[in-house]
Amino acid sequence: MRSLHQYTIVLRPDDNGTFVAYIPAIAGCHAWGQTSEEAQAELANVFEMIRDEYDEAGQELPQDVEVAVTHAR
């Protein structure tokens, strides 16, 4: 079973001054927090719930994906 540490986590500020953390490889695996630390802590909880759902369904979590960051030209 894969662990949270095997995935790329994207952390970004949101428009309202909060933070969003998500795992691009896993649909629906995202969380918000007042600080980046809170968002990451909440993401860990969401990841555990999703991992349990995959486990109960007898499925493996998806592989990590490569993430590229770019700026519009």
C-alpha atoms as a PDB file:
ATOM      1  CA  MET A   1       0.000   0.000   0.000  1.00  0.00           C
ATOM      2  CA  ARG A   2       1.369   3.399  -0.950  1.00  0.00           C
ATOM      3  CA  SER A   3       1.950   6.094   1.645  1.00  0.00           C
ATOM      4  CA  LEU A   4       1.447   9.846   1.481  1.00  0.00           C
ATOM      5  CA  HIS A   5       5.210  10.352   1.238  1.00  0.00           C
ATOM      6  CA  GLN A   6       5.272   8.582  -2.121  1.00  0.00           C
ATOM      7  CA  TYR A   7       3.201  11.300  -3.776  1.00  0.00           C
ATOM      8  CA  THR A   8       3.848  14.776  -5.104  1.00  0.00           C
ATOM      9  CA  ILE A   9       1.888  17.310  -3.067  1.00  0.00           C
ATOM     10  CA  VAL A  10       1.028  20.702  -4.523  1.00  0.00           C
ATOM     11  CA  LEU A  11       0.541  23.524  -2.042  1.00  0.00           C
ATOM     12  CA  ARG A  12      -0.713  26.905  -3.159  1.00  0.00           C
ATOM     13  CA  PRO A  13      -2.312  29.997  -1.666  1.00  0.00           C
ATOM     14  CA  ASP A  14      -6.008  30.438  -2.425  1.00  0.00           C
ATOM     15  CA  ASP A  15      -7.773  33.674  -3.355  1.00  0.00           C
ATOM     16  CA  ASN A  16      -9.273  34.152   0.107  1.00  0.00           C
ATOM     17  CA  GLY A  17      -5.983  33.991   2.020  1.00  0.00           C
ATOM     18  CA  THR A  18      -6.190  30.281   2.842  1.00  0.00           C
ATOM     19  CA  PHE A  19      -4.082  27.465   1.411  1.00  0.00           C
ATOM     20  CA  VAL A  20      -4.951  24.486  -0.775  1.00  0.00           C
ATOM     21  CA  ALA A  21      -2.978  21.239  -0.715  1.00  0.00           C
ATOM     22  CA  TYR A  22      -3.621  18.441  -3.176  1.00  0.00           C
ATOM     23  CA  ILE A  23      -2.209  15.307  -4.734  1.00  0.00           C
ATOM     24  CA  PRO A  24      -2.553  15.577  -8.531  1.00  0.00           C
ATOM     25  CA  ALA A  25      -2.363  11.790  -8.984  1.00  0.00           C
ATOM     26  CA  ILE A  26      -5.445  11.075  -6.842  1.00  0.00           C
ATOM     27  CA  ALA A  27      -8.799  12.542  -7.874  1.00  0.00           C
ATOM     28  CA  GLY A  28     -10.529  14.265  -4.969  1.00  0.00           C
ATOM     29  CA  CYS A  29      -7.486  14.245  -2.715  1.00  0.00           C
ATOM     30  CA  HIS A  30      -7.369  17.892  -1.680  1.00  0.00           C
ATOM     31  CA  ALA A  31      -7.759  19.972   1.456  1.00  0.00           C
ATOM     32  CA  TRP A  32      -7.816  23.577   2.662  1.00  0.00           C
ATOM     33  CA  GLY A  33      -6.387  25.283   5.721  1.00  0.00           C
ATOM     34  CA  GLN A  34      -5.826  28.717   7.208  1.00  0.00           C
ATOM     35  CA  THR A  35      -2.079  28.069   6.958  1.00  0.00           C
ATOM     36  CA  SER A  36       0.006  25.858   4.710  1.00  0.00           C
ATOM     37  CA  GLU A  37       0.648  23.568   7.670  1.00  0.00           C
ATOM     38  CA  GLU A  38      -3.082  23.194   8.361  1.00  0.00           C
ATOM     39  CA  ALA A  39      -3.746  22.401   4.697  1.00  0.00           C
ATOM     40  CA  GLN A  40      -1.052  19.720   4.715  1.00  0.00           C
ATOM     41  CA  ALA A  41      -2.369  18.204   7.961  1.00  0.00           C
ATOM     42  CA  GLU A  42      -5.898  18.072   6.542  1.00  0.00           C
ATOM     43  CA  LEU A  43      -4.554  16.551   3.321  1.00  0.00           C
ATOM     44  CA  ALA A  44      -3.013  13.730   5.356  1.00  0.00           C
ATOM     45  CA  ASN A  45      -6.464  12.985   6.811  1.00  0.00           C
ATOM     46  CA  VAL A  46      -8.118  13.038   3.386  1.00  0.00           C
ATOM     47  CA  PHE A  47      -5.386  10.789   1.979  1.00  0.00           C
ATOM     48  CA  GLU A  48      -5.980   8.223   4.745  1.00  0.00           C
ATOM     49  CA  MET A  49      -9.728   8.172   4.031  1.00  0.00           C
ATOM     50  CA  ILE A  50      -9.169   7.731   0.286  1.00  0.00           C
ATOM     51  CA  ARG A  51      -6.540   5.044   0.877  1.00  0.00           C
ATOM     52  CA  ASP A  52      -9.029   3.158   3.083  1.00  0.00           C
ATOM     53  CA  GLU A  53     -11.687   3.415   0.344  1.00  0.00           C
ATOM     54  CA  TYR A  54      -9.276   1.994  -2.245  1.00  0.00           C
ATOM     55  CA  ASP A  55      -8.267  -0.771   0.171  1.00  0.00           C
ATOM     56  CA  GLU A  56     -11.891  -1.714   0.909  1.00  0.00           C
ATOM     57  CA  ALA A  57     -12.560  -1.876  -2.841  1.00  0.00           C
ATOM     58  CA  GLY A  58      -9.500  -4.084  -3.355  1.00  0.00           C
ATOM     59  CA  GLN A  59      -7.849  -1.465  -5.563  1.00  0.00           C
ATOM     60  CA  GLU A  60      -4.357   0.001  -5.601  1.00  0.00           C
ATOM     61  CA  LEU A  61      -3.860   3.742  -5.358  1.00  0.00           C
ATOM     62  CA  PRO A  62      -2.701   5.294  -8.641  1.00  0.00           C
ATOM     63  CA  GLN A  63       0.961   5.915  -9.391  1.00  0.00           C
ATOM     64  CA  ASP A  64       2.344   9.369  -8.713  1.00  0.00           C
ATOM     65  CA  VAL A  65       2.408  11.784 -11.630  1.00  0.00           C
ATOM     66  CA  GLU A  66       5.055  14.211 -12.749  1.00  0.00           C
ATOM     67  CA  VAL A  67       4.110  17.838 -12.209  1.00  0.00           C
ATOM     68  CA  ALA A  68       5.422  20.759 -14.253  1.00  0.00           C
ATOM     69  CA  VAL A  69       5.123  24.394 -13.260  1.00  0.00           C
ATOM     70  CA  THR A  70       5.151  27.036 -15.934  1.00  0.00           C
ATOM     71  CA  HIS A  71       4.225  30.659 -16.493  1.00  0.00           C
ATOM     72  CA  ALA A  72       2.159  31.984 -19.368  1.00  0.00           C
ATOM     73  CA  ARG A  73       4.155  33.772 -22.031  1.00  0.00           C
END
